[in-house]
Amino acid sequence: MLAIPDVVVEVKLPQSLLIGSGLTRQETSDALLRSYIISLYRQDRISSGKAANLLGIHRLTFIRMLAEEDIPYLDYTSEELEHEVEAVRRWNKA
């Protein structure tokens, strides 16, 4: 697999925010990356597997991370859920 180099993105934060958080620059950077990846996942721009890979963790660990943040892994509308349940019922009858 071809390795894609990392890109450095500059984010300006008020110094008071960094000091007030009690986090180091690296911890802040890690938190921002995590939040960005979760945001991309929530927007359906990346899969849970891709998100986990980008964070360097197992997919199940990522799913647990979502639960800790009260972010649903499966986010069905009631109509979509009904469709899925019906598909399972048809599958069980076959």
Protein backbone atom coordinates (compact mmCIF):
# COMPACT_ATOMS: atom_id res chain seq x y z
CA MET A 1 0.00 0.00 0.00
CA LEU A 2 1.27 3.45 -0.92
CA ALA A 3 1.94 5.58 2.16
CA ILE A 4 0.39 9.03 2.01
CA PRO A 5 2.38 11.64 3.93
CA ASP A 6 0.80 13.59 6.77
CA VAL A 7 -0.19 17.19 6.22
CA VAL A 8 0.34 19.83 8.89
CA VAL A 9 -2.62 22.14 9.42
CA GLU A 10 -2.24 25.19 11.59
CA VAL A 11 -5.01 25.98 14.07
CA LYS A 12 -4.83 29.19 16.05
CA LEU A 13 -6.23 29.03 19.58
CA PRO A 14 -6.30 31.73 22.21
CA GLN A 15 -3.46 31.09 24.65
CA SER A 16 -5.93 31.36 27.52
CA LEU A 17 -7.88 28.44 26.09
CA LEU A 18 -4.80 26.25 25.96
CA ILE A 19 -3.66 27.25 29.44
CA GLY A 20 -7.18 26.99 30.87
CA SER A 21 -7.68 23.48 29.51
CA GLY A 22 -4.71 22.11 31.42
CA LEU A 23 -3.67 20.18 28.30
CA THR A 24 -0.28 20.23 26.66
CA ARG A 25 0.07 21.29 23.02
CA GLN A 26 0.35 17.63 22.02
CA GLU A 27 -2.73 16.64 24.03
CA THR A 28 -4.64 19.53 22.44
CA SER A 29 -3.48 18.48 18.99
CA ASP A 30 -4.55 14.89 19.66
CA ALA A 31 -7.96 16.04 20.94
CA LEU A 32 -8.51 18.23 17.87
CA LEU A 33 -7.58 15.37 15.53
CA ARG A 34 -9.92 13.01 17.37
CA SER A 35 -12.76 15.54 17.20
CA TYR A 36 -12.15 16.17 13.50
CA ILE A 37 -12.16 12.46 12.68
CA ILE A 38 -15.35 11.91 14.69
CA SER A 39 -16.91 14.86 12.86
CA LEU A 40 -16.03 13.36 9.48
CA TYR A 41 -17.51 10.04 10.60
CA ARG A 42 -20.74 11.72 11.77
CA GLN A 43 -21.05 13.45 8.38
CA ASP A 44 -20.67 10.04 6.64
CA ARG A 45 -17.49 11.25 4.96
CA ILE A 46 -15.44 8.34 6.35
CA SER A 47 -16.31 4.88 7.64
CA SER A 48 -15.82 3.67 11.19
CA GLY A 49 -12.97 1.48 9.95
CA LYS A 50 -11.25 4.44 8.30
CA ALA A 51 -11.77 6.58 11.40
CA ALA A 52 -10.27 3.87 13.61
CA ASN A 53 -7.34 3.49 11.23
CA LEU A 54 -6.66 7.23 11.22
CA LEU A 55 -6.68 7.22 15.03
CA GLY A 56 -4.46 4.14 15.16
CA ILE A 57 -6.99 2.12 17.13
CA HIS A 58 -9.11 -0.99 16.59
CA ARG A 59 -12.56 -0.43 15.06
CA LEU A 60 -14.28 -1.79 18.18
CA THR A 61 -12.34 0.73 20.27
CA PHE A 62 -13.61 3.48 17.98
CA ILE A 63 -17.19 2.26 18.41
CA ARG A 64 -16.71 2.33 22.19
CA MET A 65 -15.30 5.86 21.86
CA LEU A 66 -18.49 6.90 20.07
CA ALA A 67 -20.57 5.43 22.89
CA GLU A 68 -18.54 7.38 25.46
CA GLU A 69 -19.34 10.55 23.51
CA ASP A 70 -23.06 9.60 23.25
CA ILE A 71 -22.72 9.34 19.47
CA PRO A 72 -24.78 6.52 17.95
CA TYR A 73 -22.87 3.97 15.88
CA LEU A 74 -26.07 3.03 14.09
CA ASP A 75 -28.11 6.10 13.34
CA TYR A 76 -31.26 4.84 11.64
CA THR A 77 -34.43 6.81 11.10
CA SER A 78 -37.52 4.91 12.26
CA GLU A 79 -38.32 4.20 8.61
CA GLU A 80 -34.84 2.81 7.92
CA LEU A 81 -34.97 0.68 11.06
CA GLU A 82 -38.37 -0.69 10.07
CA HIS A 83 -36.98 -1.59 6.64
CA GLU A 84 -34.01 -3.40 8.23
CA VAL A 85 -36.24 -5.34 10.64
CA GLU A 86 -38.48 -6.40 7.76
CA ALA A 87 -35.44 -7.55 5.78
CA VAL A 88 -34.31 -9.70 8.73
CA ARG A 89 -37.81 -11.19 9.04
CA ARG A 90 -37.81 -12.11 5.33
CA TRP A 91 -34.33 -13.56 5.66
CA ASN A 92 -35.38 -15.73 8.64
CA LYS A 93 -38.33 -17.14 6.65
CA ALA A 94 -36.09 -18.19 3.76
